[in-house]
Amino acid sequence: MTKFILATIAAFTVAIGLFSSPLSLAAENLVGLPVNGLAVAEKNGKLRYVSDNGRFLIEGRMYDTWNKEYIDSLEMADRASKYIDFEKMKFKVQDLDPLVFGTGKKQVTVFVDPYCGFCHKMFGQMQDLQNEYTFNIVQLPILGESSVARVRDVLCAADKAEALKTVLSGDNKSYLKQVASCDQLPVNKRLITAQFFAIKGVPHSIRQDGFITKGFIPDLKGWLAQGKG
C-alpha cells in the first residue's frame, strides 16, 4: 500500500507540474521511511543529513529537485528551506485557479482560508500595492466544513469579479451565483500543493523572489520591498 501511495503521489505531482527530477520518479521499488523532516549538519567540511528523530543519518550529495541544484553548503541548505523558485520548478500557480488581484509585474502568491482573520488583514494591506504587484490568492479549505463550502462557492462563482470582492472584504455570507458545471480539480491540486509546500497554516506567502513567510505579515509593503525582481 505504501508503494502504491508514493507512486500515485509522484505521478500526480508530475502530471500537474509540481516538480521534475534528474532521476526517474517511476521507480520500480519504493519504500516509505518514518521521517517527517531533515536537518543538515556540517562536519569536517562535509554535509550530513539527520532525520528529525535522530534515527537516520544520510551521507552524500543531496539534489534539490525544485530549485534544480545540488546542496553543497549550509548556505544553500538554508536557502532551500526558505525559497521556492517557481520558474525552475516549472510550476504554474494558474493551474490552481487563483483569484488575481492587482496589475503589477511582480507576482506574489498567498495561500489563505476564507475564515482566516489574519488573511483578511493582509488583504487590507494589498489595496495600496495593487499597481506594483499582482497577488495570486489561493484559497485552501483547512479551517473546517464552512471553509470547504465557501472555497467551492468561490471557485464555481459565475461572476469572478464579485467573488474576488467578497474574498477581499472577508464576506463569507453573500450568495454567489454558481456556474452550471464546475470542475473542482483545482481544489485537489491546491491541497496536493499545500502538502508538498508543507503549508500547515495560513496565511502562507511566497514573495516575487521566492522567499517564503508563514503567518501574518504586519508590514506587507516593507516585506515585499525586500524582495528582488
Protein backbone atom coordinates (compact mmCIF):
# COMPACT_ATOMS: atom_id res chain seq x y z
CA MET A 1 0.00 0.00 0.00
CA THR A 2 2.85 2.40 0.85
CA LYS A 3 4.43 1.83 -2.56
CA PHE A 4 1.11 2.50 -4.26
CA ILE A 5 0.55 5.75 -2.35
CA LEU A 6 4.07 7.05 -3.05
CA ALA A 7 3.84 6.14 -6.73
CA THR A 8 0.40 7.77 -7.03
CA ILE A 9 1.55 10.99 -5.40
CA ALA A 10 4.69 11.11 -7.54
CA ALA A 11 2.71 10.55 -10.75
CA PHE A 12 0.08 13.14 -9.81
CA THR A 13 2.61 15.82 -8.89
CA VAL A 14 4.45 15.35 -12.17
CA ALA A 15 1.14 15.45 -14.03
CA ILE A 16 0.22 18.84 -12.57
CA GLY A 17 3.76 20.16 -12.97
CA LEU A 18 4.79 20.42 -9.33
CA PHE A 19 8.35 19.30 -9.91
CA SER A 20 10.70 17.36 -12.12
CA SER A 21 13.78 15.41 -11.17
CA PRO A 22 17.03 14.29 -12.83
CA LEU A 23 16.13 10.83 -11.53
CA SER A 24 13.13 8.90 -12.74
CA LEU A 25 10.19 9.12 -10.38
CA ALA A 26 8.77 5.94 -11.89
CA ALA A 27 10.97 3.77 -9.71
CA GLU A 28 10.34 0.05 -9.68
CA ASN A 29 10.54 -0.14 -5.89
CA LEU A 30 9.61 2.48 -3.32
CA VAL A 31 9.84 2.15 0.44
CA GLY A 32 8.50 4.80 2.81
CA LEU A 33 10.59 5.72 5.87
CA PRO A 34 9.20 7.21 9.12
CA VAL A 35 10.74 10.66 8.57
CA ASN A 36 8.88 13.96 8.84
CA GLY A 37 11.85 16.25 8.35
CA LEU A 38 15.60 16.51 7.87
CA ALA A 39 18.26 18.68 9.45
CA VAL A 40 21.61 19.36 7.82
CA ALA A 41 24.91 19.46 9.71
CA GLU A 42 28.45 20.19 8.56
CA LYS A 43 31.44 18.28 9.93
CA ASN A 44 34.97 18.27 8.58
CA GLY A 45 33.78 20.15 5.53
CA LYS A 46 31.14 17.54 4.66
CA LEU A 47 27.39 17.80 4.89
CA ARG A 48 25.32 15.13 6.60
CA TYR A 49 21.57 14.93 6.85
CA VAL A 50 19.84 13.75 10.01
CA SER A 51 16.20 12.74 10.36
CA ASP A 52 14.11 14.74 12.80
CA ASN A 53 14.10 11.89 15.32
CA GLY A 54 17.83 11.30 15.01
CA ARG A 55 17.39 7.78 13.70
CA PHE A 56 18.63 8.14 10.14
CA LEU A 57 21.93 9.67 9.02
CA ILE A 58 22.30 10.33 5.32
CA GLU A 59 25.71 10.87 3.72
CA GLY A 60 26.44 12.02 0.20
CA ARG A 61 25.12 14.82 -2.02
CA MET A 62 21.52 15.93 -1.91
CA TYR A 63 19.82 17.27 -5.01
CA ASP A 64 17.06 19.88 -4.76
CA THR A 65 14.61 18.79 -7.47
CA TRP A 66 12.66 22.04 -7.16
CA ASN A 67 15.50 24.55 -7.38
CA LYS A 68 17.49 22.31 -9.74
CA GLU A 69 20.77 22.28 -7.83
CA TYR A 70 22.88 20.16 -5.52
CA ILE A 71 23.02 21.36 -1.92
CA ASP A 72 26.73 21.62 -1.19
CA SER A 73 26.83 24.10 1.69
CA LEU A 74 24.90 25.16 4.76
CA GLU A 75 24.11 28.42 2.99
CA MET A 76 22.49 26.54 0.11
CA ALA A 77 20.57 24.34 2.56
CA ASP A 78 19.33 27.43 4.36
CA ARG A 79 18.20 28.97 1.09
CA ALA A 80 16.46 25.76 0.05
CA SER A 81 14.45 25.89 3.29
CA LYS A 82 13.37 29.48 2.71
CA TYR A 83 12.95 29.92 -1.05
CA ILE A 84 10.98 28.31 -3.86
CA ASP A 85 11.78 29.03 -7.50
CA PHE A 86 8.56 28.57 -9.45
CA GLU A 87 10.33 29.06 -12.78
CA LYS A 88 12.88 26.31 -12.18
CA MET A 89 10.14 24.03 -10.88
CA LYS A 90 8.05 24.81 -13.95
CA PHE A 91 5.24 25.34 -11.51
CA LYS A 92 2.33 27.45 -12.69
CA VAL A 93 0.19 28.91 -9.95
CA GLN A 94 -2.51 29.47 -12.60
CA ASP A 95 -3.12 25.71 -12.52
CA LEU A 96 -4.59 26.27 -9.05
CA ASP A 97 -7.14 28.74 -10.46
CA PRO A 98 -6.25 31.53 -8.00
CA LEU A 99 -8.13 34.78 -7.56
CA VAL A 100 -5.99 37.51 -9.09
CA PHE A 101 -5.80 40.98 -7.56
CA GLY A 102 -3.60 43.78 -8.86
CA THR A 103 -1.89 44.62 -12.14
CA GLY A 104 1.78 44.87 -11.18
CA LYS A 105 4.59 42.94 -12.85
CA LYS A 106 5.79 41.37 -9.60
CA GLN A 107 3.93 38.16 -8.83
CA VAL A 108 3.10 37.28 -5.22
CA THR A 109 1.31 34.11 -4.14
CA VAL A 110 -0.69 33.97 -0.92
CA PHE A 111 -2.39 30.82 0.41
CA VAL A 112 -5.40 31.67 2.57
CA ASP A 113 -8.58 30.28 4.10
CA PRO A 114 -11.95 32.06 3.78
CA TYR A 115 -12.30 32.24 7.57
CA CYS A 116 -8.73 33.31 8.36
CA GLY A 117 -8.86 36.66 10.17
CA PHE A 118 -5.17 37.43 9.66
CA CYS A 119 -5.61 36.76 5.94
CA HIS A 120 -8.31 39.42 5.86
CA LYS A 121 -5.91 41.89 7.48
CA MET A 122 -3.36 41.20 4.76
CA PHE A 123 -5.99 41.79 2.10
CA GLY A 124 -6.41 45.28 3.52
CA GLN A 125 -2.71 45.96 3.04
CA MET A 126 -2.87 44.80 -0.58
CA GLN A 127 -5.16 47.64 -1.58
CA ASP A 128 -2.32 50.20 -1.76
CA LEU A 129 0.03 47.80 -3.55
CA GLN A 130 -2.14 46.63 -6.44
CA ASN A 131 -0.39 48.79 -9.06
CA GLU A 132 3.05 47.39 -8.27
CA TYR A 133 2.18 43.76 -7.54
CA THR A 134 -0.14 41.05 -8.77
CA PHE A 135 -1.42 38.91 -5.92
CA ASN A 136 -2.40 35.33 -6.68
CA ILE A 137 -4.79 34.42 -3.88
CA VAL A 138 -5.14 30.67 -3.44
CA GLN A 139 -7.94 29.59 -1.12
CA LEU A 140 -7.41 26.41 0.89
CA PRO A 141 -10.25 24.72 2.81
CA ILE A 142 -8.33 23.96 6.00
CA LEU A 143 -10.40 25.52 8.79
CA GLY A 144 -13.42 23.23 8.74
CA GLU A 145 -16.54 22.38 6.77
CA SER A 146 -17.56 26.01 6.40
CA SER A 147 -14.26 26.66 4.62
CA VAL A 148 -14.82 23.70 2.31
CA ALA A 149 -18.21 25.04 1.27
CA ARG A 150 -17.04 28.62 0.77
CA VAL A 151 -13.96 27.64 -1.25
CA ARG A 152 -16.24 25.64 -3.54
CA ASP A 153 -18.68 28.55 -3.88
CA VAL A 154 -15.89 30.99 -4.76
CA LEU A 155 -14.28 28.59 -7.23
CA CYS A 156 -17.58 27.96 -9.00
CA ALA A 157 -18.83 31.55 -8.93
CA ALA A 158 -20.28 32.76 -12.22
CA ASP A 159 -19.02 36.29 -11.56
CA LYS A 160 -15.32 36.10 -10.66
CA ALA A 161 -15.09 39.84 -10.02
CA GLU A 162 -17.89 39.59 -7.46
CA ALA A 163 -16.25 36.55 -5.90
CA LEU A 164 -12.95 38.41 -5.55
CA LYS A 165 -14.78 41.34 -3.97
CA THR A 166 -16.31 39.13 -1.29
CA VAL A 167 -12.97 37.46 -0.56
CA LEU A 168 -11.08 40.75 -0.17
CA SER A 169 -13.78 42.12 2.13
CA GLY A 170 -13.91 38.96 4.24
CA ASP A 171 -17.55 38.44 3.28
CA ASN A 172 -18.44 34.75 3.55
CA LYS A 173 -22.18 35.23 3.74
CA SER A 174 -23.18 36.82 0.45
CA TYR A 175 -24.62 34.40 -2.06
CA LEU A 176 -22.52 33.82 -5.17
CA LYS A 177 -24.37 32.64 -8.26
CA GLN A 178 -22.84 29.36 -9.43
CA VAL A 179 -21.95 28.15 -12.91
CA ALA A 180 -23.98 25.23 -14.19
CA SER A 181 -20.99 22.89 -14.39
CA CYS A 182 -17.89 23.42 -12.27
CA ASP A 183 -14.60 21.49 -12.34
CA GLN A 184 -13.33 21.27 -8.78
CA LEU A 185 -9.99 19.68 -9.73
CA PRO A 186 -8.14 22.94 -8.85
CA VAL A 187 -9.10 22.43 -5.19
CA ASN A 188 -7.50 18.98 -5.22
CA LYS A 189 -4.40 20.45 -6.84
CA ARG A 190 -4.29 23.13 -4.14
CA LEU A 191 -4.40 20.52 -1.39
CA ILE A 192 -1.63 18.47 -3.01
CA THR A 193 0.42 21.64 -3.47
CA ALA A 194 -0.13 22.58 0.18
CA GLN A 195 1.12 19.15 1.23
CA PHE A 196 4.30 19.41 -0.81
CA PHE A 197 4.95 23.00 0.18
CA ALA A 198 4.46 21.97 3.82
CA ILE A 199 1.68 24.51 4.33
CA LYS A 200 0.32 23.81 7.79
CA GLY A 201 -1.38 27.16 8.40
CA VAL A 202 -2.45 30.37 6.72
CA PRO A 203 -1.61 32.92 5.56
CA HIS A 204 1.35 31.35 3.78
CA SER A 205 3.03 33.80 1.41
CA ILE A 206 5.59 33.44 -1.36
CA ARG A 207 7.23 36.68 -2.45
CA GLN A 208 8.20 37.62 -6.02
CA ASP A 209 11.75 36.36 -5.39
CA GLY A 210 10.52 33.04 -3.99
CA PHE A 211 11.04 33.86 -0.30
CA ILE A 212 8.52 32.10 1.95
CA THR A 213 6.87 33.55 5.03
CA LYS A 214 4.49 31.61 7.23
CA GLY A 215 1.89 33.55 9.17
CA PHE A 216 0.69 37.13 9.27
CA ILE A 217 2.96 39.82 7.81
CA PRO A 218 2.47 43.06 9.81
CA ASP A 219 4.23 45.21 7.21
CA LEU A 220 3.38 43.68 3.85
CA LYS A 221 4.73 46.64 1.89
CA GLY A 222 8.09 46.51 3.66
CA TRP A 223 8.33 42.73 3.30
CA LEU A 224 7.67 42.89 -0.41
CA ALA A 225 10.16 45.72 -0.88
CA GLN A 226 12.92 43.45 0.45
CA GLY A 227 12.43 41.04 -2.44
CA LYS A 228 14.40 41.16 -5.65
CA GLY A 229 12.73 41.14 -9.01
